[in-house]
Amino acid sequence: KWEECRLTPAPAATLELAPAIEQSPVSVECRVRDVLELGSHHMFLA
């Protein structure tokens, strides 16, 4: 998707693996605290 949409991965300031999208005006870095398996969707609390 990075290549197809011509998006640029940018280093996160506090994360080791997940990049930010350089073209986004605001990027919110998150570390998962818990995963709630609720049904059709699982909620990542971060």
PDB file of all heavy atoms in Angstrom:
ATOM      1  N   LYS A   1       0.812  -1.209   0.000  1.00  0.00           N
ATOM      2  CA  LYS A   1       0.000   0.000   0.000  1.00  0.00           C
ATOM      3  C   LYS A   1       0.848   1.263   0.000  1.00  0.00           C
ATOM      4  O   LYS A   1       0.442   2.290  -0.547  1.00  0.00           O
ATOM      5  CB  LYS A   1      -0.957  -0.010   1.187  1.00  0.00           C
ATOM      6  CG  LYS A   1      -1.985  -1.134   1.103  1.00  0.00           C
ATOM      7  CD  LYS A   1      -2.899  -1.122   2.313  1.00  0.00           C
ATOM      8  CE  LYS A   1      -3.818  -2.316   2.318  1.00  0.00           C
ATOM      9  NZ  LYS A   1      -4.704  -2.297   3.494  1.00  0.00           N
ATOM     10  N   TRP A   2       2.018   1.188   0.609  1.00  0.00           N
ATOM     11  CA  TRP A   2       2.925   2.343   0.592  1.00  0.00           C
ATOM     12  C   TRP A   2       3.281   2.701  -0.842  1.00  0.00           C
ATOM     13  O   TRP A   2       3.210   3.856  -1.242  1.00  0.00           O
ATOM     14  CB  TRP A   2       4.190   2.037   1.392  1.00  0.00           C
ATOM     15  CG  TRP A   2       3.942   1.813   2.849  1.00  0.00           C
ATOM     16  CD1 TRP A   2       3.688   0.615   3.459  1.00  0.00           C
ATOM     17  CD2 TRP A   2       3.907   2.812   3.870  1.00  0.00           C
ATOM     18  NE1 TRP A   2       3.504   0.819   4.807  1.00  0.00           N
ATOM     19  CE2 TRP A   2       3.640   2.148   5.085  1.00  0.00           C
ATOM     20  CE3 TRP A   2       4.093   4.190   3.867  1.00  0.00           C
ATOM     21  CZ2 TRP A   2       3.545   2.828   6.291  1.00  0.00           C
ATOM     22  CZ3 TRP A   2       4.005   4.873   5.071  1.00  0.00           C
ATOM     23  CH2 TRP A   2       3.730   4.194   6.266  1.00  0.00           C
ATOM     24  N   GLU A   3       3.661   1.687  -1.605  1.00  0.00           N
ATOM     25  CA  GLU A   3       4.065   1.912  -2.987  1.00  0.00           C
ATOM     26  C   GLU A   3       2.870   2.295  -3.855  1.00  0.00           C
ATOM     27  O   GLU A   3       2.937   3.244  -4.640  1.00  0.00           O
ATOM     28  CB  GLU A   3       4.737   0.646  -3.537  1.00  0.00           C
ATOM     29  CG  GLU A   3       5.287   0.811  -4.930  1.00  0.00           C
ATOM     30  CD  GLU A   3       5.983  -0.450  -5.415  1.00  0.00           C
ATOM     31  OE1 GLU A   3       6.756  -1.046  -4.633  1.00  0.00           O
ATOM     32  OE2 GLU A   3       5.759  -0.822  -6.571  1.00  0.00           O
ATOM     33  N   GLU A   4       1.802   1.554  -3.743  1.00  0.00           N
ATOM     34  CA  GLU A   4       0.616   1.798  -4.575  1.00  0.00           C
ATOM     35  C   GLU A   4       0.056   3.207  -4.386  1.00  0.00           C
ATOM     36  O   GLU A   4      -0.412   3.826  -5.339  1.00  0.00           O
ATOM     37  CB  GLU A   4      -0.475   0.768  -4.269  1.00  0.00           C
ATOM     38  CG  GLU A   4      -0.134  -0.651  -4.647  1.00  0.00           C
ATOM     39  CD  GLU A   4      -0.163  -0.916  -6.141  1.00  0.00           C
ATOM     40  OE1 GLU A   4      -0.863  -0.190  -6.877  1.00  0.00           O
ATOM     41  OE2 GLU A   4       0.517  -1.860  -6.587  1.00  0.00           O
ATOM     42  N   CYS A   5       0.070   3.710  -3.168  1.00  0.00           N
ATOM     43  CA  CYS A   5      -0.492   5.038  -2.869  1.00  0.00           C
ATOM     44  C   CYS A   5       0.557   6.133  -2.843  1.00  0.00           C
ATOM     45  O   CYS A   5       0.244   7.285  -2.518  1.00  0.00           O
ATOM     46  CB  CYS A   5      -1.245   4.991  -1.535  1.00  0.00           C
ATOM     47  SG  CYS A   5      -2.700   3.939  -1.590  1.00  0.00           S
ATOM     48  N   ARG A   6       1.797   5.772  -3.144  1.00  0.00           N
ATOM     49  CA  ARG A   6       2.918   6.724  -3.142  1.00  0.00           C
ATOM     50  C   ARG A   6       3.023   7.454  -1.796  1.00  0.00           C
ATOM     51  O   ARG A   6       3.144   8.675  -1.740  1.00  0.00           O
ATOM     52  CB  ARG A   6       2.788   7.708  -4.292  1.00  0.00           C
ATOM     53  CG  ARG A   6       2.912   7.054  -5.648  1.00  0.00           C
ATOM     54  CD  ARG A   6       2.927   8.093  -6.757  1.00  0.00           C
ATOM     55  NE  ARG A   6       3.175   7.461  -8.032  1.00  0.00           N
ATOM     56  CZ  ARG A   6       2.211   7.198  -8.924  1.00  0.00           C
ATOM     57  NH1 ARG A   6       0.967   7.509  -8.664  1.00  0.00           N
ATOM     58  NH2 ARG A   6       2.517   6.640 -10.070  1.00  0.00           N
ATOM     59  N   LEU A   7       2.969   6.672  -0.750  1.00  0.00           N
ATOM     60  CA  LEU A   7       3.099   7.219   0.604  1.00  0.00           C
ATOM     61  C   LEU A   7       4.497   6.909   1.130  1.00  0.00           C
ATOM     62  O   LEU A   7       5.100   5.887   0.778  1.00  0.00           O
ATOM     63  CB  LEU A   7       2.033   6.634   1.521  1.00  0.00           C
ATOM     64  CG  LEU A   7       0.598   7.001   1.139  1.00  0.00           C
ATOM     65  CD1 LEU A   7      -0.409   6.208   1.967  1.00  0.00           C
ATOM     66  CD2 LEU A   7       0.365   8.492   1.277  1.00  0.00           C
ATOM     67  N   THR A   8       4.981   7.788   1.993  1.00  0.00           N
ATOM     68  CA  THR A   8       6.347   7.667   2.491  1.00  0.00           C
ATOM     69  C   THR A   8       6.345   7.302   3.965  1.00  0.00           C
ATOM     70  O   THR A   8       5.773   8.035   4.781  1.00  0.00           O
ATOM     71  CB  THR A   8       7.081   9.019   2.313  1.00  0.00           C
ATOM     72  OG1 THR A   8       6.931   9.446   0.971  1.00  0.00           O
ATOM     73  CG2 THR A   8       8.551   8.887   2.681  1.00  0.00           C
ATOM     74  N   PRO A   9       6.985   6.172   4.325  1.00  0.00           N
ATOM     75  CA  PRO A   9       7.109   5.861   5.747  1.00  0.00           C
ATOM     76  C   PRO A   9       8.116   6.808   6.405  1.00  0.00           C
ATOM     77  O   PRO A   9       9.179   7.077   5.851  1.00  0.00           O
ATOM     78  CB  PRO A   9       7.606   4.417   5.772  1.00  0.00           C
ATOM     79  CG  PRO A   9       8.134   4.136   4.411  1.00  0.00           C
ATOM     80  CD  PRO A   9       7.560   5.136   3.468  1.00  0.00           C
ATOM     81  N   ALA A  10       7.738   7.333   7.559  1.00  0.00           N
ATOM     82  CA  ALA A  10       8.616   8.236   8.310  1.00  0.00           C
ATOM     83  C   ALA A  10       8.883   7.609   9.672  1.00  0.00           C
ATOM     84  O   ALA A  10       8.001   6.969  10.249  1.00  0.00           O
ATOM     85  CB  ALA A  10       7.955   9.599   8.476  1.00  0.00           C
ATOM     86  N   PRO A  11      10.070   7.780  10.216  1.00  0.00           N
ATOM     87  CA  PRO A  11      10.379   7.182  11.516  1.00  0.00           C
ATOM     88  C   PRO A  11       9.474   7.736  12.619  1.00  0.00           C
ATOM     89  O   PRO A  11       9.209   8.937  12.664  1.00  0.00           O
ATOM     90  CB  PRO A  11      11.826   7.585  11.778  1.00  0.00           C
ATOM     91  CG  PRO A  11      12.355   8.100  10.492  1.00  0.00           C
ATOM     92  CD  PRO A  11      11.205   8.524   9.664  1.00  0.00           C
ATOM     93  N   ALA A  12       9.034   6.850  13.469  1.00  0.00           N
ATOM     94  CA  ALA A  12       8.294   7.268  14.658  1.00  0.00           C
ATOM     95  C   ALA A  12       9.317   7.723  15.703  1.00  0.00           C
ATOM     96  O   ALA A  12      10.438   7.217  15.737  1.00  0.00           O
ATOM     97  CB  ALA A  12       7.460   6.113  15.196  1.00  0.00           C
ATOM     98  N   ALA A  13       8.903   8.656  16.533  1.00  0.00           N
ATOM     99  CA  ALA A  13       9.813   9.182  17.554  1.00  0.00           C
ATOM    100  C   ALA A  13       9.975   8.239  18.735  1.00  0.00           C
ATOM    101  O   ALA A  13      11.026   8.204  19.369  1.00  0.00           O
ATOM    102  CB  ALA A  13       9.319  10.543  18.037  1.00  0.00           C
ATOM    103  N   THR A  14       8.923   7.448  19.048  1.00  0.00           N
ATOM    104  CA  THR A  14       8.939   6.640  20.272  1.00  0.00           C
ATOM    105  C   THR A  14       8.701   5.151  20.037  1.00  0.00           C
ATOM    106  O   THR A  14       8.708   4.392  20.998  1.00  0.00           O
ATOM    107  CB  THR A  14       7.854   7.144  21.243  1.00  0.00           C
ATOM    108  OG1 THR A  14       6.575   7.040  20.605  1.00  0.00           O
ATOM    109  CG2 THR A  14       8.110   8.578  21.667  1.00  0.00           C
ATOM    110  N   LEU A  15       8.478   4.749  18.797  1.00  0.00           N
ATOM    111  CA  LEU A  15       8.191   3.341  18.505  1.00  0.00           C
ATOM    112  C   LEU A  15       9.366   2.706  17.784  1.00  0.00           C
ATOM    113  O   LEU A  15      10.130   3.391  17.098  1.00  0.00           O
ATOM    114  CB  LEU A  15       6.925   3.227  17.645  1.00  0.00           C
ATOM    115  CG  LEU A  15       5.665   3.882  18.216  1.00  0.00           C
ATOM    116  CD1 LEU A  15       4.511   3.755  17.236  1.00  0.00           C
ATOM    117  CD2 LEU A  15       5.298   3.283  19.566  1.00  0.00           C
ATOM    118  N   GLU A  16       9.493   1.410  17.915  1.00  0.00           N
ATOM    119  CA  GLU A  16      10.609   0.708  17.294  1.00  0.00           C
ATOM    120  C   GLU A  16      10.324   0.254  15.875  1.00  0.00           C
ATOM    121  O   GLU A  16      11.224   0.204  15.047  1.00  0.00           O
ATOM    122  CB  GLU A  16      10.991  -0.506  18.150  1.00  0.00           C
ATOM    123  CG  GLU A  16      11.510  -0.134  19.524  1.00  0.00           C
ATOM    124  CD  GLU A  16      11.784  -1.362  20.383  1.00  0.00           C
ATOM    125  OE1 GLU A  16      12.063  -2.433  19.811  1.00  0.00           O
ATOM    126  OE2 GLU A  16      11.717  -1.239  21.614  1.00  0.00           O
ATOM    127  N   LEU A  17       9.071  -0.101  15.587  1.00  0.00           N
ATOM    128  CA  LEU A  17       8.765  -0.738  14.314  1.00  0.00           C
ATOM    129  C   LEU A  17       7.788   0.039  13.432  1.00  0.00           C
ATOM    130  O   LEU A  17       8.008   0.171  12.235  1.00  0.00           O
ATOM    131  CB  LEU A  17       8.197  -2.145  14.575  1.00  0.00           C
ATOM    132  CG  LEU A  17       9.114  -3.093  15.352  1.00  0.00           C
ATOM    133  CD1 LEU A  17       8.360  -4.328  15.806  1.00  0.00           C
ATOM    134  CD2 LEU A  17      10.307  -3.484  14.485  1.00  0.00           C
ATOM    135  N   ALA A  18       6.705   0.509  13.990  1.00  0.00           N
ATOM    136  CA  ALA A  18       5.649   1.148  13.200  1.00  0.00           C
ATOM    137  C   ALA A  18       6.086   2.520  12.700  1.00  0.00           C
ATOM    138  O   ALA A  18       6.498   3.364  13.489  1.00  0.00           O
ATOM    139  CB  ALA A  18       4.374   1.275  14.026  1.00  0.00           C
ATOM    140  N   PRO A  19       5.996   2.752  11.389  1.00  0.00           N
ATOM    141  CA  PRO A  19       6.326   4.074  10.864  1.00  0.00           C
ATOM    142  C   PRO A  19       5.096   4.977  10.851  1.00  0.00           C
ATOM    143  O   PRO A  19       3.961   4.516  10.889  1.00  0.00           O
ATOM    144  CB  PRO A  19       6.755   3.762   9.428  1.00  0.00           C
ATOM    145  CG  PRO A  19       5.903   2.578   9.055  1.00  0.00           C
ATOM    146  CD  PRO A  19       5.735   1.775  10.335  1.00  0.00           C
ATOM    147  N   ALA A  20       5.336   6.261  10.773  1.00  0.00           N
ATOM    148  CA  ALA A  20       4.271   7.228  10.529  1.00  0.00           C
ATOM    149  C   ALA A  20       4.154   7.418   9.019  1.00  0.00           C
ATOM    150  O   ALA A  20       5.043   7.006   8.267  1.00  0.00           O
ATOM    151  CB  ALA A  20       4.610   8.557  11.203  1.00  0.00           C
ATOM    152  N   ILE A  21       3.080   8.037   8.576  1.00  0.00           N
ATOM    153  CA  ILE A  21       2.933   8.395   7.164  1.00  0.00           C
ATOM    154  C   ILE A  21       3.364   9.848   7.029  1.00  0.00           C
ATOM    155  O   ILE A  21       2.742  10.740   7.616  1.00  0.00           O
ATOM    156  CB  ILE A  21       1.480   8.197   6.684  1.00  0.00           C
ATOM    157  CG1 ILE A  21       1.091   6.722   6.778  1.00  0.00           C
ATOM    158  CG2 ILE A  21       1.319   8.710   5.245  1.00  0.00           C
ATOM    159  CD1 ILE A  21      -0.377   6.434   6.453  1.00  0.00           C
ATOM    160  N   GLU A  22       4.432  10.074   6.284  1.00  0.00           N
ATOM    161  CA  GLU A  22       4.991  11.426   6.171  1.00  0.00           C
ATOM    162  C   GLU A  22       3.978  12.442   5.649  1.00  0.00           C
ATOM    163  O   GLU A  22       3.968  13.594   6.070  1.00  0.00           O
ATOM    164  CB  GLU A  22       6.211  11.392   5.253  1.00  0.00           C
ATOM    165  CG  GLU A  22       6.930  12.720   5.168  1.00  0.00           C
ATOM    166  CD  GLU A  22       8.214  12.607   4.370  1.00  0.00           C
ATOM    167  OE1 GLU A  22       9.053  11.762   4.721  1.00  0.00           O
ATOM    168  OE2 GLU A  22       8.346  13.368   3.394  1.00  0.00           O
ATOM    169  N   GLN A  23       3.091  12.037   4.750  1.00  0.00           N
ATOM    170  CA  GLN A  23       2.141  12.958   4.139  1.00  0.00           C
ATOM    171  C   GLN A  23       0.980  13.332   5.063  1.00  0.00           C
ATOM    172  O   GLN A  23       0.224  14.252   4.767  1.00  0.00           O
ATOM    173  CB  GLN A  23       1.575  12.366   2.840  1.00  0.00           C
ATOM    174  CG  GLN A  23       2.583  12.273   1.715  1.00  0.00           C
ATOM    175  CD  GLN A  23       3.481  11.037   1.777  1.00  0.00           C
ATOM    176  OE1 GLN A  23       3.465  10.261   2.737  1.00  0.00           O
ATOM    177  NE2 GLN A  23       4.281  10.840   0.736  1.00  0.00           N
ATOM    178  N   SER A  24       0.828  12.643   6.176  1.00  0.00           N
ATOM    179  CA  SER A  24      -0.243  12.965   7.120  1.00  0.00           C
ATOM    180  C   SER A  24       0.173  14.163   7.975  1.00  0.00           C
ATOM    181  O   SER A  24       1.301  14.211   8.458  1.00  0.00           O
ATOM    182  CB  SER A  24      -0.541  11.769   8.032  1.00  0.00           C
ATOM    183  OG  SER A  24      -1.476  12.117   9.030  1.00  0.00           O
ATOM    184  N   PRO A  25      -0.735  15.109   8.214  1.00  0.00           N
ATOM    185  CA  PRO A  25      -0.368  16.284   9.004  1.00  0.00           C
ATOM    186  C   PRO A  25      -0.208  16.003  10.492  1.00  0.00           C
ATOM    187  O   PRO A  25       0.506  16.716  11.187  1.00  0.00           O
ATOM    188  CB  PRO A  25      -1.524  17.248   8.766  1.00  0.00           C
ATOM    189  CG  PRO A  25      -2.682  16.356   8.482  1.00  0.00           C
ATOM    190  CD  PRO A  25      -2.115  15.187   7.733  1.00  0.00           C
ATOM    191  N   VAL A  26      -0.866  14.951  10.974  1.00  0.00           N
ATOM    192  CA  VAL A  26      -0.787  14.579  12.388  1.00  0.00           C
ATOM    193  C   VAL A  26      -0.689  13.061  12.482  1.00  0.00           C
ATOM    194  O   VAL A  26      -1.539  12.339  11.945  1.00  0.00           O
ATOM    195  CB  VAL A  26      -2.013  15.072  13.197  1.00  0.00           C
ATOM    196  CG1 VAL A  26      -1.915  14.623  14.651  1.00  0.00           C
ATOM    197  CG2 VAL A  26      -2.152  16.588  13.104  1.00  0.00           C
ATOM    198  N   SER A  27       0.348  12.592  13.149  1.00  0.00           N
ATOM    199  CA  SER A  27       0.557  11.152  13.342  1.00  0.00           C
ATOM    200  C   SER A  27       0.660  10.883  14.837  1.00  0.00           C
ATOM    201  O   SER A  27       1.515  11.457  15.521  1.00  0.00           O
ATOM    202  CB  SER A  27       1.830  10.691  12.627  1.00  0.00           C
ATOM    203  OG  SER A  27       1.716  10.905  11.234  1.00  0.00           O
ATOM    204  N   VAL A  28      -0.198   9.999  15.326  1.00  0.00           N
ATOM    205  CA  VAL A  28      -0.294   9.700  16.750  1.00  0.00           C
ATOM    206  C   VAL A  28       0.324   8.327  17.001  1.00  0.00           C
ATOM    207  O   VAL A  28      -0.213   7.302  16.558  1.00  0.00           O
ATOM    208  CB  VAL A  28      -1.772   9.726  17.214  1.00  0.00           C
ATOM    209  CG1 VAL A  28      -1.864   9.509  18.717  1.00  0.00           C
ATOM    210  CG2 VAL A  28      -2.452  11.029  16.804  1.00  0.00           C
ATOM    211  N   GLU A  29       1.447   8.314  17.695  1.00  0.00           N
ATOM    212  CA  GLU A  29       2.176   7.074  17.963  1.00  0.00           C
ATOM    213  C   GLU A  29       1.565   6.359  19.167  1.00  0.00           C
ATOM    214  O   GLU A  29       1.324   6.984  20.199  1.00  0.00           O
ATOM    215  CB  GLU A  29       3.650   7.385  18.208  1.00  0.00           C
ATOM    216  CG  GLU A  29       4.302   8.067  17.031  1.00  0.00           C
ATOM    217  CD  GLU A  29       5.759   8.411  17.259  1.00  0.00           C
ATOM    218  OE1 GLU A  29       6.392   7.841  18.177  1.00  0.00           O
ATOM    219  OE2 GLU A  29       6.274   9.253  16.493  1.00  0.00           O
ATOM    220  N   CYS A  30       1.337   5.054  19.015  1.00  0.00           N
ATOM    221  CA  CYS A  30       0.610   4.302  20.047  1.00  0.00           C
ATOM    222  C   CYS A  30       1.287   2.981  20.375  1.00  0.00           C
ATOM    223  O   CYS A  30       1.785   2.280  19.489  1.00  0.00           O
ATOM    224  CB  CYS A  30      -0.806   4.000  19.562  1.00  0.00           C
ATOM    225  SG  CYS A  30      -1.773   5.471  19.190  1.00  0.00           S
ATOM    226  N   ARG A  31       1.254   2.642  21.652  1.00  0.00           N
ATOM    227  CA  ARG A  31       1.744   1.349  22.132  1.00  0.00           C
ATOM    228  C   ARG A  31       0.556   0.612  22.754  1.00  0.00           C
ATOM    229  O   ARG A  31      -0.127   1.151  23.625  1.00  0.00           O
ATOM    230  CB  ARG A  31       2.862   1.538  23.150  1.00  0.00           C
ATOM    231  CG  ARG A  31       3.570   0.240  23.484  1.00  0.00           C
ATOM    232  CD  ARG A  31       4.920   0.432  24.151  1.00  0.00           C
ATOM    233  NE  ARG A  31       5.931   0.845  23.177  1.00  0.00           N
ATOM    234  CZ  ARG A  31       6.538   2.030  23.175  1.00  0.00           C
ATOM    235  NH1 ARG A  31       6.270   2.917  24.104  1.00  0.00           N
ATOM    236  NH2 ARG A  31       7.436   2.329  22.267  1.00  0.00           N
ATOM    237  N   VAL A  32       0.313  -0.614  22.302  1.00  0.00           N
ATOM    238  CA  VAL A  32      -0.843  -1.399  22.748  1.00  0.00           C
ATOM    239  C   VAL A  32      -0.718  -1.728  24.224  1.00  0.00           C
ATOM    240  O   VAL A  32       0.306  -2.236  24.679  1.00  0.00           O
ATOM    241  CB  VAL A  32      -0.992  -2.690  21.912  1.00  0.00           C
ATOM    242  CG1 VAL A  32      -2.133  -3.544  22.442  1.00  0.00           C
ATOM    243  CG2 VAL A  32      -1.201  -2.355  20.435  1.00  0.00           C
ATOM    244  N   ARG A  33      -1.774  -1.435  24.963  1.00  0.00           N
ATOM    245  CA  ARG A  33      -1.853  -1.759  26.389  1.00  0.00           C
ATOM    246  C   ARG A  33      -2.642  -3.053  26.600  1.00  0.00           C
ATOM    247  O   ARG A  33      -2.303  -3.870  27.446  1.00  0.00           O
ATOM    248  CB  ARG A  33      -2.544  -0.623  27.132  1.00  0.00           C
ATOM    249  CG  ARG A  33      -2.751  -0.901  28.607  1.00  0.00           C
ATOM    250  CD  ARG A  33      -3.568   0.166  29.275  1.00  0.00           C
ATOM    251  NE  ARG A  33      -2.774   1.357  29.504  1.00  0.00           N
ATOM    252  CZ  ARG A  33      -2.849   2.087  30.599  1.00  0.00           C
ATOM    253  NH1 ARG A  33      -3.686   1.776  31.547  1.00  0.00           N
ATOM    254  NH2 ARG A  33      -2.094   3.157  30.739  1.00  0.00           N
ATOM    255  N   ASP A  34      -3.716  -3.227  25.813  1.00  0.00           N
ATOM    256  CA  ASP A  34      -4.591  -4.381  25.984  1.00  0.00           C
ATOM    257  C   ASP A  34      -5.358  -4.623  24.690  1.00  0.00           C
ATOM    258  O   ASP A  34      -5.551  -3.701  23.895  1.00  0.00           O
ATOM    259  CB  ASP A  34      -5.577  -4.126  27.131  1.00  0.00           C
ATOM    260  CG  ASP A  34      -6.208  -5.387  27.683  1.00  0.00           C
ATOM    261  OD1 ASP A  34      -5.828  -6.500  27.255  1.00  0.00           O
ATOM    262  OD2 ASP A  34      -7.096  -5.268  28.533  1.00  0.00           O
ATOM    263  N   VAL A  35      -5.784  -5.862  24.497  1.00  0.00           N
ATOM    264  CA  VAL A  35      -6.620  -6.216  23.357  1.00  0.00           C
ATOM    265  C   VAL A  35      -7.898  -6.833  23.907  1.00  0.00           C
ATOM    266  O   VAL A  35      -7.845  -7.814  24.660  1.00  0.00           O
ATOM    267  CB  VAL A  35      -5.921  -7.213  22.410  1.00  0.00           C
ATOM    268  CG1 VAL A  35      -6.814  -7.531  21.221  1.00  0.00           C
ATOM    269  CG2 VAL A  35      -4.570  -6.669  21.952  1.00  0.00           C
ATOM    270  N   LEU A  36      -9.023  -6.236  23.549  1.00  0.00           N
ATOM    271  CA  LEU A  36     -10.323  -6.745  23.981  1.00  0.00           C
ATOM    272  C   LEU A  36     -10.987  -7.441  22.807  1.00  0.00           C
ATOM    273  O   LEU A  36     -11.316  -6.804  21.801  1.00  0.00           O
ATOM    274  CB  LEU A  36     -11.203  -5.599  24.494  1.00  0.00           C
ATOM    275  CG  LEU A  36     -10.620  -4.759  25.621  1.00  0.00           C
ATOM    276  CD1 LEU A  36     -11.524  -3.579  25.929  1.00  0.00           C
ATOM    277  CD2 LEU A  36     -10.401  -5.611  26.858  1.00  0.00           C
ATOM    278  N   GLU A  37     -11.160  -8.757  22.930  1.00  0.00           N
ATOM    279  CA  GLU A  37     -11.781  -9.532  21.856  1.00  0.00           C
ATOM    280  C   GLU A  37     -13.287  -9.450  22.039  1.00  0.00           C
ATOM    281  O   GLU A  37     -13.873 -10.192  22.827  1.00  0.00           O
ATOM    282  CB  GLU A  37     -11.252 -10.960  21.887  1.00  0.00           C
ATOM    283  CG  GLU A  37      -9.745 -11.013  21.650  1.00  0.00           C
ATOM    284  CD  GLU A  37      -9.171 -12.417  21.624  1.00  0.00           C
ATOM    285  OE1 GLU A  37      -9.947 -13.394  21.637  1.00  0.00           O
ATOM    286  OE2 GLU A  37      -7.929 -12.523  21.585  1.00  0.00           O
ATOM    287  N   LEU A  38     -13.930  -8.565  21.281  1.00  0.00           N
ATOM    288  CA  LEU A  38     -15.318  -8.198  21.529  1.00  0.00           C
ATOM    289  C   LEU A  38     -16.333  -8.902  20.640  1.00  0.00           C
ATOM    290  O   LEU A  38     -17.520  -8.873  20.945  1.00  0.00           O
ATOM    291  CB  LEU A  38     -15.477  -6.680  21.371  1.00  0.00           C
ATOM    292  CG  LEU A  38     -14.587  -5.842  22.288  1.00  0.00           C
ATOM    293  CD1 LEU A  38     -14.682  -4.378  21.917  1.00  0.00           C
ATOM    294  CD2 LEU A  38     -14.982  -6.059  23.736  1.00  0.00           C
ATOM    295  N   GLY A  39     -15.926  -9.472  19.556  1.00  0.00           N
ATOM    296  CA  GLY A  39     -16.858 -10.063  18.596  1.00  0.00           C
ATOM    297  C   GLY A  39     -16.264  -9.927  17.210  1.00  0.00           C
ATOM    298  O   GLY A  39     -15.136 -10.365  16.979  1.00  0.00           O
ATOM    299  N   SER A  40     -16.989  -9.282  16.291  1.00  0.00           N
ATOM    300  CA  SER A  40     -16.480  -9.119  14.927  1.00  0.00           C
ATOM    301  C   SER A  40     -15.168  -8.333  14.901  1.00  0.00           C
ATOM    302  O   SER A  40     -14.336  -8.536  14.021  1.00  0.00           O
ATOM    303  CB  SER A  40     -17.518  -8.415  14.050  1.00  0.00           C
ATOM    304  OG  SER A  40     -17.753  -7.096  14.506  1.00  0.00           O
ATOM    305  N   HIS A  41     -14.994  -7.431  15.862  1.00  0.00           N
ATOM    306  CA  HIS A  41     -13.790  -6.614  15.946  1.00  0.00           C
ATOM    307  C   HIS A  41     -13.111  -6.820  17.302  1.00  0.00           C
ATOM    308  O   HIS A  41     -13.779  -7.057  18.297  1.00  0.00           O
ATOM    309  CB  HIS A  41     -14.124  -5.123  15.805  1.00  0.00           C
ATOM    310  CG  HIS A  41     -14.544  -4.728  14.439  1.00  0.00           C
ATOM    311  ND1 HIS A  41     -15.752  -5.099  13.879  1.00  0.00           N
ATOM    312  CD2 HIS A  41     -13.913  -3.972  13.505  1.00  0.00           C
ATOM    313  CE1 HIS A  41     -15.842  -4.594  12.662  1.00  0.00           C
ATOM    314  NE2 HIS A  41     -14.757  -3.905  12.412  1.00  0.00           N
ATOM    315  N   HIS A  42     -11.794  -6.715  17.287  1.00  0.00           N
ATOM    316  CA  HIS A  42     -11.034  -6.704  18.530  1.00  0.00           C
ATOM    317  C   HIS A  42     -10.537  -5.284  18.728  1.00  0.00           C
ATOM    318  O   HIS A  42     -10.022  -4.654  17.790  1.00  0.00           O
ATOM    319  CB  HIS A  42      -9.852  -7.667  18.464  1.00  0.00           C
ATOM    320  CG  HIS A  42     -10.273  -9.102  18.385  1.00  0.00           C
ATOM    321  ND1 HIS A  42      -9.366 -10.128  18.336  1.00  0.00           N
ATOM    322  CD2 HIS A  42     -11.500  -9.700  18.339  1.00  0.00           C
ATOM    323  CE1 HIS A  42     -10.004 -11.293  18.273  1.00  0.00           C
ATOM    324  NE2 HIS A  42     -11.309 -11.044  18.260  1.00  0.00           N
ATOM    325  N   MET A  43     -10.695  -4.763  19.935  1.00  0.00           N
ATOM    326  CA  MET A  43     -10.302  -3.400  20.223  1.00  0.00           C
ATOM    327  C   MET A  43      -8.904  -3.375  20.818  1.00  0.00           C
ATOM    328  O   MET A  43      -8.624  -4.042  21.809  1.00  0.00           O
ATOM    329  CB  MET A  43     -11.278  -2.737  21.189  1.00  0.00           C
ATOM    330  CG  MET A  43     -10.944  -1.276  21.441  1.00  0.00           C
ATOM    331  SD  MET A  43     -12.195  -0.408  22.394  1.00  0.00           S
ATOM    332  CE  MET A  43     -11.904  -1.090  24.013  1.00  0.00           C
ATOM    333  N   PHE A  44      -8.023  -2.591  20.191  1.00  0.00           N
ATOM    334  CA  PHE A  44      -6.676  -2.381  20.690  1.00  0.00           C
ATOM    335  C   PHE A  44      -6.689  -1.102  21.514  1.00  0.00           C
ATOM    336  O   PHE A  44      -6.839  -0.009  20.972  1.00  0.00           O
ATOM    337  CB  PHE A  44      -5.678  -2.255  19.530  1.00  0.00           C
ATOM    338  CG  PHE A  44      -5.459  -3.539  18.793  1.00  0.00           C
ATOM    339  CD1 PHE A  44      -6.321  -3.923  17.766  1.00  0.00           C
ATOM    340  CD2 PHE A  44      -4.398  -4.371  19.115  1.00  0.00           C
ATOM    341  CE1 PHE A  44      -6.119  -5.105  17.081  1.00  0.00           C
ATOM    342  CE2 PHE A  44      -4.188  -5.560  18.436  1.00  0.00           C
ATOM    343  CZ  PHE A  44      -5.066  -5.935  17.413  1.00  0.00           C
ATOM    344  N   LEU A  45      -6.564  -1.260  22.813  1.00  0.00           N
ATOM    345  CA  LEU A  45      -6.490  -0.134  23.733  1.00  0.00           C
ATOM    346  C   LEU A  45      -5.022   0.253  23.828  1.00  0.00           C
ATOM    347  O   LEU A  45      -4.172  -0.599  24.114  1.00  0.00           O
ATOM    348  CB  LEU A  45      -7.029  -0.570  25.094  1.00  0.00           C
ATOM    349  CG  LEU A  45      -7.212   0.477  26.163  1.00  0.00           C
ATOM    350  CD1 LEU A  45      -8.211   1.531  25.719  1.00  0.00           C
ATOM    351  CD2 LEU A  45      -7.696  -0.196  27.438  1.00  0.00           C
ATOM    352  N   ALA A  46      -4.714   1.531  23.562  1.00  0.00           N
ATOM    353  CA  ALA A  46      -3.308   1.898  23.430  1.00  0.00           C
ATOM    354  C   ALA A  46      -2.971   3.198  24.142  1.00  0.00           C
ATOM    355  O   ALA A  46      -3.797   4.111  24.232  1.00  0.00           O
ATOM    356  CB  ALA A  46      -2.953   2.027  21.951  1.00  0.00           C
TER     357      ALA A  46
END
